Amino acid sequence: MNEALLSAHGLGRRFGERWIWRGLDLAVGAGERVALTGPTGSGKSLLLRALSLLDAADEGEVRFLGRPIEPQAVPGFRAQVVYLAQRPALADSTVEEALRSAFAYSIHKGRRFDRERTVRLLGALGREAGLLGSPAKGLSGGEGQLVALVRALLLEPRVLLLDEFTASMDRDAAERAEGLVRDWLDAEAGRALVLTSHDPSQLDRLATRRADVRGAA
């Protein structure tokens, strides 16, 4: 097992009196590609949000590089661990402005929006540079997911948390998106991936091991 970049220790989440999962442990090492599995309603998306610290768990803690994440360290953590929702939120602006806006946050201080790289990434996804001038709110669900993936890759995180990240894409776009994620992983050995997908073949292509969320209920 490689050094744990991201780990969960005794995590529990409940709704009312019902525990979705409890006593959940998970360690994701550098270079690992982990698929979260389990039936609908088992809390896979909730776990991704808990790992990203977007939704607090009711029990347990998340650690980064083996250390608990103190409140003042959360912004820095989110610069290195990026969560991609199934229905990503995009600013009410052009696509380019929406991508640029991510770099305005202090957690990305020192990084600059790279338009050339953005155009290359869009090209790899089968999209023209003209998409940058389109209204972000007018994108289809699949195009919104493509743009959100480009935004995540531009931020150069160490860990990607992907929640059904190609669910609204057509087959060609999904294959291209998977290729970009593989390229991102292969570019640096210290990166890691945690994902959910209703497509078992996608999990076969992208993941090297699986973690069954049902085992933590």
N, C-alpha and C. Protein backbone atom coordinates (compact mmCIF):
# COMPACT_ATOMS: atom_id res chain seq x y z
N MET A 1 0.85 -1.20 0.00
CA MET A 1 0.00 0.00 0.00
C MET A 1 0.88 1.24 0.00
N ASN A 2 0.61 2.14 -0.94
CA ASN A 2 1.36 3.38 -0.97
C ASN A 2 0.92 4.29 0.17
N GLU A 3 1.68 5.37 0.36
CA GLU A 3 1.29 6.36 1.37
C GLU A 3 -0.14 6.81 1.10
N ALA A 4 -0.93 6.89 2.17
CA ALA A 4 -2.32 7.31 2.01
C ALA A 4 -2.37 8.81 1.76
N LEU A 5 -2.78 9.19 0.58
CA LEU A 5 -3.02 10.60 0.30
C LEU A 5 -4.28 11.06 1.02
N LEU A 6 -5.31 10.26 0.87
CA LEU A 6 -6.62 10.60 1.42
C LEU A 6 -7.17 9.38 2.14
N SER A 7 -7.66 9.58 3.35
CA SER A 7 -8.17 8.44 4.11
C SER A 7 -9.36 8.83 4.96
N ALA A 8 -10.23 7.85 5.19
CA ALA A 8 -11.40 8.02 6.06
C ALA A 8 -11.26 7.05 7.22
N HIS A 9 -11.61 7.52 8.41
CA HIS A 9 -11.44 6.72 9.62
C HIS A 9 -12.72 6.73 10.44
N GLY A 10 -13.41 5.58 10.45
CA GLY A 10 -14.63 5.45 11.24
C GLY A 10 -15.74 6.39 10.83
N LEU A 11 -15.83 6.69 9.54
CA LEU A 11 -16.86 7.63 9.09
C LEU A 11 -18.26 7.05 9.25
N GLY A 12 -19.18 7.89 9.67
CA GLY A 12 -20.58 7.50 9.75
C GLY A 12 -21.47 8.63 9.28
N ARG A 13 -22.54 8.27 8.58
CA ARG A 13 -23.51 9.27 8.10
C ARG A 13 -24.90 8.69 8.25
N ARG A 14 -25.81 9.47 8.80
CA ARG A 14 -27.16 8.98 9.00
C ARG A 14 -28.19 10.01 8.60
N PHE A 15 -29.39 9.50 8.30
CA PHE A 15 -30.57 10.32 8.10
C PHE A 15 -31.59 9.89 9.15
N GLY A 16 -31.88 10.78 10.07
CA GLY A 16 -32.77 10.41 11.16
C GLY A 16 -32.15 9.31 11.99
N GLU A 17 -32.86 8.21 12.14
CA GLU A 17 -32.36 7.09 12.93
C GLU A 17 -31.62 6.06 12.08
N ARG A 18 -31.60 6.25 10.77
CA ARG A 18 -31.00 5.25 9.89
C ARG A 18 -29.59 5.65 9.48
N TRP A 19 -28.65 4.75 9.72
CA TRP A 19 -27.27 4.98 9.30
C TRP A 19 -27.11 4.55 7.84
N ILE A 20 -26.62 5.46 7.02
CA ILE A 20 -26.33 5.14 5.62
C ILE A 20 -25.08 4.27 5.57
N TRP A 21 -24.05 4.71 6.26
CA TRP A 21 -22.86 3.90 6.53
C TRP A 21 -22.29 4.33 7.87
N ARG A 22 -21.56 3.40 8.49
CA ARG A 22 -21.01 3.67 9.81
C ARG A 22 -19.74 2.83 9.99
N GLY A 23 -18.76 3.41 10.68
CA GLY A 23 -17.51 2.70 10.88
C GLY A 23 -16.75 2.48 9.58
N LEU A 24 -16.91 3.41 8.65
CA LEU A 24 -16.30 3.25 7.33
C LEU A 24 -14.85 3.70 7.34
N ASP A 25 -13.97 2.82 6.87
CA ASP A 25 -12.55 3.12 6.73
C ASP A 25 -12.17 2.98 5.27
N LEU A 26 -11.38 3.91 4.79
CA LEU A 26 -10.92 3.87 3.40
C LEU A 26 -9.59 4.59 3.31
N ALA A 27 -8.63 3.98 2.64
CA ALA A 27 -7.33 4.63 2.42
C ALA A 27 -7.03 4.61 0.93
N VAL A 28 -6.71 5.77 0.39
CA VAL A 28 -6.41 5.91 -1.04
C VAL A 28 -4.97 6.37 -1.17
N GLY A 29 -4.14 5.51 -1.71
CA GLY A 29 -2.72 5.82 -1.83
C GLY A 29 -2.37 6.51 -3.12
N ALA A 30 -1.18 7.06 -3.17
CA ALA A 30 -0.68 7.69 -4.39
C ALA A 30 -0.69 6.68 -5.53
N GLY A 31 -1.23 7.09 -6.66
CA GLY A 31 -1.29 6.23 -7.82
C GLY A 31 -2.49 5.32 -7.87
N GLU A 32 -3.30 5.30 -6.82
CA GLU A 32 -4.45 4.40 -6.80
C GLU A 32 -5.65 4.97 -7.55
N ARG A 33 -6.46 4.05 -8.05
CA ARG A 33 -7.69 4.39 -8.78
C ARG A 33 -8.80 3.53 -8.19
N VAL A 34 -9.61 4.13 -7.34
CA VAL A 34 -10.56 3.38 -6.52
C VAL A 34 -11.99 3.65 -6.97
N ALA A 35 -12.74 2.59 -7.21
CA ALA A 35 -14.16 2.70 -7.54
C ALA A 35 -14.98 2.40 -6.30
N LEU A 36 -15.91 3.29 -5.97
CA LEU A 36 -16.86 3.03 -4.89
C LEU A 36 -18.04 2.27 -5.47
N THR A 37 -18.37 1.13 -4.89
CA THR A 37 -19.45 0.30 -5.40
C THR A 37 -20.52 0.09 -4.33
N GLY A 38 -21.68 -0.33 -4.79
CA GLY A 38 -22.82 -0.55 -3.91
C GLY A 38 -24.09 -0.16 -4.63
N PRO A 39 -25.23 -0.65 -4.19
CA PRO A 39 -26.50 -0.36 -4.87
C PRO A 39 -26.90 1.10 -4.72
N THR A 40 -27.85 1.51 -5.53
CA THR A 40 -28.42 2.86 -5.40
C THR A 40 -28.93 3.05 -3.98
N GLY A 41 -28.57 4.18 -3.37
CA GLY A 41 -29.00 4.46 -2.01
C GLY A 41 -28.01 4.04 -0.95
N SER A 42 -26.88 3.44 -1.37
CA SER A 42 -25.89 3.00 -0.39
C SER A 42 -24.99 4.14 0.08
N GLY A 43 -25.11 5.31 -0.54
CA GLY A 43 -24.38 6.47 -0.05
C GLY A 43 -23.05 6.72 -0.71
N LYS A 44 -22.88 6.27 -1.95
CA LYS A 44 -21.61 6.49 -2.65
C LYS A 44 -21.35 7.98 -2.88
N SER A 45 -22.36 8.68 -3.36
CA SER A 45 -22.19 10.12 -3.60
C SER A 45 -21.98 10.87 -2.29
N LEU A 46 -22.71 10.47 -1.25
CA LEU A 46 -22.52 11.08 0.07
C LEU A 46 -21.10 10.89 0.56
N LEU A 47 -20.54 9.72 0.30
CA LEU A 47 -19.17 9.46 0.74
C LEU A 47 -18.18 10.35 0.00
N LEU A 48 -18.37 10.52 -1.30
CA LEU A 48 -17.49 11.43 -2.04
C LEU A 48 -17.56 12.84 -1.48
N ARG A 49 -18.75 13.29 -1.16
CA ARG A 49 -18.90 14.63 -0.61
C ARG A 49 -18.28 14.72 0.79
N ALA A 50 -18.38 13.66 1.56
CA ALA A 50 -17.74 13.65 2.87
C ALA A 50 -16.22 13.67 2.74
N LEU A 51 -15.69 12.91 1.77
CA LEU A 51 -14.24 12.89 1.56
C LEU A 51 -13.72 14.25 1.10
N SER A 52 -14.56 15.01 0.41
CA SER A 52 -14.15 16.34 -0.05
C SER A 52 -14.43 17.43 0.98
N LEU A 53 -15.02 17.02 2.12
CA LEU A 53 -15.38 17.94 3.21
C LEU A 53 -16.48 18.92 2.82
N LEU A 54 -17.25 18.57 1.80
CA LEU A 54 -18.39 19.41 1.43
C LEU A 54 -19.60 19.11 2.31
N ASP A 55 -19.75 17.86 2.71
CA ASP A 55 -20.80 17.46 3.65
C ASP A 55 -20.13 16.76 4.82
N ALA A 56 -20.30 17.28 6.01
CA ALA A 56 -19.64 16.68 7.17
C ALA A 56 -20.28 15.34 7.52
N ALA A 57 -19.45 14.38 7.87
CA ALA A 57 -19.95 13.10 8.37
C ALA A 57 -20.42 13.29 9.81
N ASP A 58 -21.27 12.39 10.27
CA ASP A 58 -21.76 12.46 11.65
C ASP A 58 -20.78 11.84 12.64
N GLU A 59 -19.92 10.98 12.15
CA GLU A 59 -18.88 10.36 12.97
C GLU A 59 -17.60 10.24 12.16
N GLY A 60 -16.48 10.12 12.88
CA GLY A 60 -15.21 9.85 12.23
C GLY A 60 -14.54 11.08 11.65
N GLU A 61 -13.45 10.85 10.93
CA GLU A 61 -12.71 11.97 10.35
C GLU A 61 -12.06 11.59 9.04
N VAL A 62 -11.78 12.62 8.25
CA VAL A 62 -11.04 12.49 7.00
C VAL A 62 -9.64 13.03 7.23
N ARG A 63 -8.64 12.33 6.69
CA ARG A 63 -7.26 12.78 6.82
C ARG A 63 -6.63 12.94 5.45
N PHE A 64 -5.70 13.87 5.37
CA PHE A 64 -4.93 14.08 4.14
C PHE A 64 -3.46 13.94 4.49
N LEU A 65 -2.77 13.06 3.75
CA LEU A 65 -1.37 12.75 4.04
C LEU A 65 -1.19 12.30 5.49
N GLY A 66 -2.17 11.56 5.98
CA GLY A 66 -2.09 10.98 7.31
C GLY A 66 -2.46 11.89 8.45
N ARG A 67 -2.83 13.12 8.16
CA ARG A 67 -3.12 14.08 9.23
C ARG A 67 -4.56 14.56 9.18
N PRO A 68 -5.18 14.74 10.36
CA PRO A 68 -6.52 15.34 10.39
C PRO A 68 -6.46 16.73 9.76
N ILE A 69 -7.57 17.15 9.18
CA ILE A 69 -7.62 18.45 8.49
C ILE A 69 -8.24 19.48 9.41
N GLU A 70 -7.42 20.38 9.90
CA GLU A 70 -7.91 21.44 10.79
C GLU A 70 -8.73 22.45 9.97
N PRO A 71 -9.65 23.17 10.63
CA PRO A 71 -10.50 24.12 9.90
C PRO A 71 -9.73 25.10 9.02
N GLN A 72 -8.60 25.60 9.54
CA GLN A 72 -7.84 26.58 8.76
C GLN A 72 -7.14 25.96 7.55
N ALA A 73 -7.06 24.63 7.54
CA ALA A 73 -6.39 23.94 6.43
C ALA A 73 -7.35 23.48 5.35
N VAL A 74 -8.66 23.67 5.57
CA VAL A 74 -9.65 23.18 4.61
C VAL A 74 -9.48 23.82 3.22
N PRO A 75 -9.29 25.14 3.10
CA PRO A 75 -9.11 25.70 1.76
C PRO A 75 -7.94 25.08 1.00
N GLY A 76 -6.81 24.90 1.67
CA GLY A 76 -5.67 24.28 1.02
C GLY A 76 -5.94 22.84 0.63
N PHE A 77 -6.68 22.13 1.47
CA PHE A 77 -7.08 20.76 1.17
C PHE A 77 -7.91 20.72 -0.11
N ARG A 78 -8.84 21.66 -0.23
CA ARG A 78 -9.72 21.65 -1.40
C ARG A 78 -9.00 22.06 -2.68
N ALA A 79 -7.85 22.67 -2.54
CA ALA A 79 -7.05 22.96 -3.73
C ALA A 79 -6.38 21.69 -4.25
N GLN A 80 -6.21 20.70 -3.38
CA GLN A 80 -5.52 19.47 -3.77
C GLN A 80 -6.45 18.28 -3.96
N VAL A 81 -7.64 18.38 -3.41
CA VAL A 81 -8.64 17.31 -3.55
C VAL A 81 -9.88 17.94 -4.18
N VAL A 82 -10.13 17.65 -5.44
CA VAL A 82 -11.20 18.30 -6.20
C VAL A 82 -12.33 17.31 -6.46
N TYR A 83 -13.53 17.74 -6.11
CA TYR A 83 -14.74 16.92 -6.27
C TYR A 83 -15.53 17.40 -7.50
N LEU A 84 -15.95 16.45 -8.31
CA LEU A 84 -16.74 16.76 -9.51
C LEU A 84 -18.12 16.14 -9.34
N ALA A 85 -19.13 16.99 -9.21
CA ALA A 85 -20.50 16.51 -9.01
C ALA A 85 -21.09 16.01 -10.32
N GLN A 86 -22.10 15.15 -10.21
CA GLN A 86 -22.78 14.65 -11.41
C GLN A 86 -23.45 15.80 -12.17
N ARG A 87 -23.96 16.76 -11.43
CA ARG A 87 -24.57 17.95 -12.05
C ARG A 87 -23.78 19.17 -11.58
N PRO A 88 -22.69 19.47 -12.26
CA PRO A 88 -21.81 20.55 -11.80
C PRO A 88 -22.45 21.93 -11.90
N ALA A 89 -22.10 22.78 -10.96
CA ALA A 89 -22.58 24.16 -10.98
C ALA A 89 -21.61 25.02 -11.78
N LEU A 90 -22.13 25.81 -12.70
CA LEU A 90 -21.31 26.71 -13.49
C LEU A 90 -21.85 28.13 -13.34
N ALA A 91 -20.96 29.09 -13.37
CA ALA A 91 -21.35 30.49 -13.19
C ALA A 91 -22.26 30.97 -14.32
N ASP A 92 -23.05 31.99 -14.03
CA ASP A 92 -23.93 32.59 -15.03
C ASP A 92 -23.10 33.57 -15.86
N SER A 93 -22.32 33.00 -16.78
CA SER A 93 -21.35 33.78 -17.56
C SER A 93 -21.00 32.96 -18.79
N THR A 94 -20.01 33.40 -19.54
CA THR A 94 -19.52 32.56 -20.63
C THR A 94 -18.73 31.40 -20.04
N VAL A 95 -18.51 30.39 -20.85
CA VAL A 95 -17.72 29.24 -20.40
C VAL A 95 -16.32 29.68 -19.99
N GLU A 96 -15.71 30.55 -20.79
CA GLU A 96 -14.35 31.00 -20.44
C GLU A 96 -14.34 31.74 -19.11
N GLU A 97 -15.31 32.61 -18.90
CA GLU A 97 -15.36 33.34 -17.63
C GLU A 97 -15.59 32.39 -16.46
N ALA A 98 -16.40 31.36 -16.68
CA ALA A 98 -16.65 30.37 -15.63
C ALA A 98 -15.36 29.62 -15.28
N LEU A 99 -14.57 29.31 -16.29
CA LEU A 99 -13.29 28.63 -16.04
C LEU A 99 -12.29 29.56 -15.36
N ARG A 100 -12.25 30.79 -15.83
CA ARG A 100 -11.32 31.76 -15.22
C ARG A 100 -11.67 32.03 -13.75
N SER A 101 -12.96 32.01 -13.44
CA SER A 101 -13.38 32.38 -12.08
C SER A 101 -12.81 31.45 -11.02
N ALA A 102 -12.53 30.21 -11.39
CA ALA A 102 -11.97 29.27 -10.42
C ALA A 102 -10.62 29.74 -9.90
N PHE A 103 -9.90 30.49 -10.71
CA PHE A 103 -8.55 30.93 -10.33
C PHE A 103 -8.57 32.21 -9.49
N ALA A 104 -9.76 32.76 -9.27
CA ALA A 104 -9.87 33.97 -8.45
C ALA A 104 -9.82 33.68 -6.96
N TYR A 105 -10.01 32.41 -6.59
CA TYR A 105 -10.01 32.05 -5.17
C TYR A 105 -8.59 32.03 -4.62
N SER A 106 -8.46 32.44 -3.37
CA SER A 106 -7.13 32.53 -2.75
C SER A 106 -6.43 31.18 -2.68
N ILE A 107 -7.20 30.07 -2.63
CA ILE A 107 -6.56 28.76 -2.55
C ILE A 107 -5.77 28.43 -3.81
N HIS A 108 -6.05 29.13 -4.91
CA HIS A 108 -5.32 28.90 -6.15
C HIS A 108 -4.35 30.04 -6.45
N LYS A 109 -3.99 30.76 -5.41
CA LYS A 109 -3.03 31.85 -5.57
C LYS A 109 -1.73 31.32 -6.18
N GLY A 110 -1.21 32.05 -7.14
CA GLY A 110 0.01 31.62 -7.80
C GLY A 110 -0.25 30.85 -9.08
N ARG A 111 -1.49 30.45 -9.32
CA ARG A 111 -1.84 29.77 -10.55
C ARG A 111 -2.59 30.73 -11.47
N ARG A 112 -2.42 30.55 -12.75
CA ARG A 112 -3.08 31.42 -13.71
C ARG A 112 -3.85 30.58 -14.72
N PHE A 113 -4.95 31.14 -15.17
CA PHE A 113 -5.74 30.47 -16.20
C PHE A 113 -4.92 30.36 -17.47
N ASP A 114 -4.81 29.16 -18.01
CA ASP A 114 -4.02 28.89 -19.21
C ASP A 114 -4.99 28.64 -20.37
N ARG A 115 -5.19 29.67 -21.19
CA ARG A 115 -6.17 29.54 -22.26
C ARG A 115 -5.73 28.53 -23.31
N GLU A 116 -4.44 28.51 -23.63
CA GLU A 116 -3.95 27.55 -24.63
C GLU A 116 -4.20 26.12 -24.20
N ARG A 117 -3.89 25.84 -22.95
CA ARG A 117 -4.12 24.49 -22.44
C ARG A 117 -5.61 24.17 -22.42
N THR A 118 -6.42 25.16 -22.08
CA THR A 118 -7.87 24.97 -22.07
C THR A 118 -8.37 24.57 -23.45
N VAL A 119 -7.88 25.25 -24.48
CA VAL A 119 -8.28 24.93 -25.85
C VAL A 119 -7.83 23.52 -26.22
N ARG A 120 -6.63 23.13 -25.78
CA ARG A 120 -6.15 21.77 -26.06
C ARG A 120 -7.04 20.72 -25.38
N LEU A 121 -7.41 20.98 -24.14
CA LEU A 121 -8.27 20.04 -23.42
C LEU A 121 -9.64 19.93 -24.08
N LEU A 122 -10.20 21.07 -24.49
CA LEU A 122 -11.48 21.04 -25.19
C LEU A 122 -11.36 20.26 -26.49
N GLY A 123 -10.25 20.46 -27.20
CA GLY A 123 -10.02 19.73 -28.44
C GLY A 123 -9.96 18.23 -28.22
N ALA A 124 -9.31 17.84 -27.13
CA ALA A 124 -9.24 16.41 -26.80
C ALA A 124 -10.61 15.83 -26.50
N LEU A 125 -11.53 16.71 -26.10
CA LEU A 125 -12.90 16.29 -25.81
C LEU A 125 -13.82 16.46 -27.02
N GLY A 126 -13.24 16.82 -28.17
CA GLY A 126 -14.02 16.97 -29.39
C GLY A 126 -14.78 18.27 -29.49
N ARG A 127 -14.34 19.29 -28.76
CA ARG A 127 -15.03 20.58 -28.77
C ARG A 127 -14.11 21.67 -29.32
N GLU A 128 -14.70 22.64 -30.01
CA GLU A 128 -13.95 23.74 -30.59
C GLU A 128 -13.72 24.84 -29.56
N ALA A 129 -12.74 25.69 -29.84
CA ALA A 129 -12.44 26.81 -28.94
C ALA A 129 -13.63 27.76 -28.81
N GLY A 130 -14.49 27.78 -29.83
CA GLY A 130 -15.66 28.66 -29.79
C GLY A 130 -16.58 28.38 -28.62
N LEU A 131 -16.49 27.19 -28.04
CA LEU A 131 -17.33 26.88 -26.89
C LEU A 131 -17.05 27.82 -25.73
N LEU A 132 -15.84 28.37 -25.67
CA LEU A 132 -15.47 29.26 -24.57
C LEU A 132 -16.34 30.52 -24.54
N GLY A 133 -16.88 30.91 -25.68
CA GLY A 133 -17.72 32.10 -25.72
C GLY A 133 -19.19 31.82 -25.50
N SER A 134 -19.55 30.56 -25.31
CA SER A 134 -20.95 30.19 -25.12
C SER A 134 -21.41 30.47 -23.69
N PRO A 135 -22.70 30.75 -23.49
CA PRO A 135 -23.21 30.92 -22.13
C PRO A 135 -23.13 29.60 -21.36
N ALA A 136 -22.50 29.62 -20.21
CA ALA A 136 -22.33 28.40 -19.43
C ALA A 136 -23.66 27.80 -19.01
N LYS A 137 -24.64 28.66 -18.71
CA LYS A 137 -25.94 28.18 -18.26
C LYS A 137 -26.73 27.52 -19.40
N GLY A 138 -26.33 27.77 -20.64
CA GLY A 138 -27.05 27.20 -21.77
C GLY A 138 -26.50 25.87 -22.24
N LEU A 139 -25.48 25.36 -21.58
CA LEU A 139 -24.88 24.09 -21.99
C LEU A 139 -25.82 22.92 -21.69
N SER A 140 -25.71 21.89 -22.52
CA SER A 140 -26.42 20.66 -22.21
C SER A 140 -25.78 20.00 -20.99
N GLY A 141 -26.45 18.99 -20.45
CA GLY A 141 -25.88 18.31 -19.29
C GLY A 141 -24.52 17.72 -19.57
N GLY A 142 -24.36 17.10 -20.76
CA GLY A 142 -23.08 16.51 -21.11
C GLY A 142 -21.99 17.54 -21.30
N GLU A 143 -22.32 18.66 -21.98
CA GLU A 143 -21.32 19.71 -22.17
C GLU A 143 -20.93 20.33 -20.84
N GLY A 144 -21.90 20.49 -19.93
CA GLY A 144 -21.58 21.01 -18.60
C GLY A 144 -20.60 20.11 -17.87
N GLN A 145 -20.78 18.79 -18.01
CA GLN A 145 -19.85 17.86 -17.39
C GLN A 145 -18.46 17.96 -18.02
N LEU A 146 -18.41 18.14 -19.33
CA LEU A 146 -17.12 18.30 -20.01
C LEU A 146 -16.39 19.54 -19.51
N VAL A 147 -17.11 20.65 -19.42
CA VAL A 147 -16.50 21.90 -18.97
C VAL A 147 -16.03 21.77 -17.52
N ALA A 148 -16.83 21.12 -16.68
CA ALA A 148 -16.44 20.93 -15.29
C ALA A 148 -15.19 20.07 -15.18
N LEU A 149 -15.06 19.07 -16.05
CA LEU A 149 -13.85 18.24 -16.05
C LEU A 149 -12.64 19.06 -16.46
N VAL A 150 -12.79 19.89 -17.49
CA VAL A 150 -11.69 20.77 -17.89
C VAL A 150 -11.28 21.67 -16.74
N ARG A 151 -12.26 22.25 -16.06
CA ARG A 151 -11.96 23.13 -14.92
C ARG A 151 -11.17 22.37 -13.85
N ALA A 152 -11.60 21.16 -13.54
CA ALA A 152 -10.90 20.37 -12.52
C ALA A 152 -9.47 20.07 -12.93
N LEU A 153 -9.26 19.70 -14.18
CA LEU A 153 -7.91 19.35 -14.64
C LEU A 153 -7.00 20.58 -14.67
N LEU A 154 -7.56 21.74 -15.01
CA LEU A 154 -6.76 22.96 -15.02
C LEU A 154 -6.23 23.31 -13.63
N LEU A 155 -6.94 22.90 -12.59
CA LEU A 155 -6.55 23.22 -11.21
C LEU A 155 -5.43 22.32 -10.69
N GLU A 156 -5.08 21.28 -11.45
CA GLU A 156 -3.95 20.40 -11.11
C GLU A 156 -4.03 19.84 -9.68
N PRO A 157 -5.12 19.17 -9.32
CA PRO A 157 -5.20 18.59 -7.98
C PRO A 157 -4.35 17.34 -7.86
N ARG A 158 -4.21 16.84 -6.64
CA ARG A 158 -3.53 15.56 -6.42
C ARG A 158 -4.53 14.41 -6.40
N VAL A 159 -5.77 14.72 -6.03
CA VAL A 159 -6.82 13.70 -5.96
C VAL A 159 -8.07 14.21 -6.67
N LEU A 160 -8.64 13.38 -7.52
CA LEU A 160 -9.92 13.69 -8.15
C LEU A 160 -10.99 12.77 -7.58
N LEU A 161 -12.12 13.36 -7.18
CA LEU A 161 -13.28 12.62 -6.71
C LEU A 161 -14.38 12.82 -7.75
N LEU A 162 -14.69 11.79 -8.51
CA LEU A 162 -15.60 11.91 -9.65
C LEU A 162 -16.90 11.17 -9.38
N ASP A 163 -18.01 11.90 -9.37
CA ASP A 163 -19.32 11.32 -9.10
C ASP A 163 -20.12 11.24 -10.40
N GLU A 164 -20.15 10.04 -11.02
CA GLU A 164 -20.90 9.86 -12.27
C GLU A 164 -20.53 10.95 -13.28
N PHE A 165 -19.23 11.14 -13.49
CA PHE A 165 -18.76 12.33 -14.21
C PHE A 165 -19.07 12.32 -15.70
N THR A 166 -19.49 11.17 -16.25
CA THR A 166 -19.86 11.13 -17.67
C THR A 166 -21.32 10.73 -17.87
N ALA A 167 -22.13 10.78 -16.82
CA ALA A 167 -23.50 10.25 -16.88
C ALA A 167 -24.35 10.91 -17.96
N SER A 168 -24.11 12.18 -18.26
CA SER A 168 -24.94 12.90 -19.25
C SER A 168 -24.26 13.02 -20.61
N MET A 169 -23.10 12.40 -20.77
CA MET A 169 -22.36 12.49 -22.03
C MET A 169 -22.77 11.37 -22.98
N ASP A 170 -22.62 11.64 -24.29
CA ASP A 170 -22.78 10.55 -25.25
C ASP A 170 -21.53 9.67 -25.21
N ARG A 171 -21.58 8.56 -25.91
CA ARG A 171 -20.50 7.57 -25.80
C ARG A 171 -19.15 8.14 -26.21
N ASP A 172 -19.12 8.88 -27.32
CA ASP A 172 -17.85 9.44 -27.78
C ASP A 172 -17.26 10.40 -26.76
N ALA A 173 -18.08 11.30 -26.23
CA ALA A 173 -17.60 12.26 -25.25
C ALA A 173 -17.12 11.55 -23.99
N ALA A 174 -17.86 10.52 -23.55
CA ALA A 174 -17.47 9.79 -22.35
C ALA A 174 -16.11 9.11 -22.54
N GLU A 175 -15.89 8.52 -23.71
CA GLU A 175 -14.61 7.87 -23.97
C GLU A 175 -13.47 8.89 -23.97
N ARG A 176 -13.73 10.05 -24.56
CA ARG A 176 -12.71 11.10 -24.57
C ARG A 176 -12.43 11.60 -23.15
N ALA A 177 -13.48 11.75 -22.35
CA ALA A 177 -13.31 12.20 -20.96
C ALA A 177 -12.50 11.19 -20.16
N GLU A 178 -12.80 9.92 -20.34
CA GLU A 178 -12.02 8.89 -19.66
C GLU A 178 -10.55 8.97 -20.06
N GLY A 179 -10.31 9.21 -21.34
CA GLY A 179 -8.93 9.32 -21.80
C GLY A 179 -8.19 10.47 -21.13
N LEU A 180 -8.87 11.60 -20.96
CA LEU A 180 -8.23 12.74 -20.28
C LEU A 180 -7.91 12.41 -18.83
N VAL A 181 -8.82 11.70 -18.16
CA VAL A 181 -8.57 11.33 -16.76
C VAL A 181 -7.38 10.38 -16.68
N ARG A 182 -7.31 9.42 -17.60
CA ARG A 182 -6.15 8.51 -17.60
C ARG A 182 -4.85 9.28 -17.86
N ASP A 183 -4.89 10.22 -18.80
CA ASP A 183 -3.69 11.03 -19.09
C ASP A 183 -3.27 11.81 -17.85
N TRP A 184 -4.24 12.38 -17.13
CA TRP A 184 -3.94 13.14 -15.92
C TRP A 184 -3.29 12.24 -14.87
N LEU A 185 -3.82 11.04 -14.70
CA LEU A 185 -3.25 10.11 -13.73
C LEU A 185 -1.84 9.69 -14.12
N ASP A 186 -1.64 9.43 -15.40
CA ASP A 186 -0.34 8.94 -15.87
C ASP A 186 0.73 10.03 -15.86
N ALA A 187 0.32 11.30 -15.88
CA ALA A 187 1.28 12.40 -15.95
C ALA A 187 2.13 12.52 -14.68
N GLU A 188 1.57 12.13 -13.53
CA GLU A 188 2.30 12.20 -12.26
C GLU A 188 1.94 10.99 -11.41
N ALA A 189 2.96 10.30 -10.91
CA ALA A 189 2.73 9.06 -10.16
C ALA A 189 2.00 9.30 -8.84
N GLY A 190 2.06 10.52 -8.30
CA GLY A 190 1.50 10.78 -6.99
C GLY A 190 0.03 11.14 -6.97
N ARG A 191 -0.64 11.03 -8.10
CA ARG A 191 -2.05 11.39 -8.16
C ARG A 191 -2.94 10.18 -7.85
N ALA A 192 -4.19 10.46 -7.50
CA ALA A 192 -5.12 9.38 -7.18
C ALA A 192 -6.53 9.75 -7.61
N LEU A 193 -7.34 8.71 -7.78
CA LEU A 193 -8.71 8.86 -8.27
C LEU A 193 -9.66 8.03 -7.42
N VAL A 194 -10.81 8.63 -7.08
CA VAL A 194 -11.92 7.89 -6.47
C VAL A 194 -13.15 8.24 -7.29
N LEU A 195 -13.89 7.24 -7.73
CA LEU A 195 -15.03 7.53 -8.60
C LEU A 195 -16.22 6.63 -8.33
N THR A 196 -17.38 7.11 -8.77
CA THR A 196 -18.59 6.30 -8.82
C THR A 196 -19.07 6.29 -10.26
N SER A 197 -19.76 5.22 -10.64
CA SER A 197 -20.34 5.14 -11.98
C SER A 197 -21.36 4.02 -12.01
N HIS A 198 -22.46 4.25 -12.74
CA HIS A 198 -23.45 3.19 -12.95
C HIS A 198 -23.04 2.29 -14.12
N ASP A 199 -21.93 2.61 -14.76
CA ASP A 199 -21.44 1.83 -15.90
C ASP A 199 -20.32 0.91 -15.42
N PRO A 200 -20.58 -0.38 -15.22
CA PRO A 200 -19.54 -1.29 -14.73
C PRO A 200 -18.30 -1.33 -15.62
N SER A 201 -18.50 -1.19 -16.94
CA SER A 201 -17.35 -1.23 -17.83
C SER A 201 -16.45 -0.01 -17.64
N GLN A 202 -17.05 1.12 -17.27
CA GLN A 202 -16.23 2.30 -16.99
C GLN A 202 -15.37 2.07 -15.75
N LEU A 203 -15.94 1.45 -14.74
CA LEU A 203 -15.16 1.13 -13.54
C LEU A 203 -14.02 0.18 -13.89
N ASP A 204 -14.29 -0.78 -14.78
CA ASP A 204 -13.23 -1.70 -15.21
C ASP A 204 -12.10 -0.95 -15.90
N ARG A 205 -12.46 0.06 -16.69
CA ARG A 205 -11.45 0.79 -17.46
C ARG A 205 -10.64 1.75 -16.60
N LEU A 206 -11.26 2.35 -15.60
CA LEU A 206 -10.60 3.42 -14.86
C LEU A 206 -10.06 3.01 -13.49
N ALA A 207 -10.68 2.02 -12.86
CA ALA A 207 -10.30 1.69 -11.49
C ALA A 207 -9.35 0.49 -11.44
N THR A 208 -8.48 0.50 -10.44
CA THR A 208 -7.60 -0.64 -10.20
C THR A 208 -8.05 -1.45 -8.99
N ARG A 209 -8.94 -0.90 -8.18
CA ARG A 209 -9.56 -1.67 -7.10
C ARG A 209 -10.91 -1.06 -6.75
N ARG A 210 -11.71 -1.83 -6.02
CA ARG A 210 -13.06 -1.39 -5.66
C ARG A 210 -13.25 -1.43 -4.15
N ALA A 211 -14.04 -0.50 -3.67
CA ALA A 211 -14.39 -0.44 -2.25
C ALA A 211 -15.91 -0.47 -2.16
N ASP A 212 -16.45 -1.50 -1.53
CA ASP A 212 -17.89 -1.68 -1.44
C ASP A 212 -18.44 -0.92 -0.25
N VAL A 213 -19.23 0.10 -0.53
CA VAL A 213 -19.80 0.93 0.53
C VAL A 213 -20.78 0.14 1.39
N ARG A 214 -21.39 -0.90 0.85
CA ARG A 214 -22.35 -1.70 1.62
C ARG A 214 -21.71 -2.34 2.84
N GLY A 215 -20.42 -2.62 2.75
CA GLY A 215 -19.75 -3.28 3.86
C GLY A 215 -19.61 -2.42 5.09
N ALA A 216 -19.94 -1.12 4.95
CA ALA A 216 -19.78 -0.21 6.08
C ALA A 216 -21.11 0.11 6.76
N ALA A 217 -22.20 -0.44 6.26
CA ALA A 217 -23.52 -0.10 6.82
C ALA A 217 -23.72 -0.76 8.18
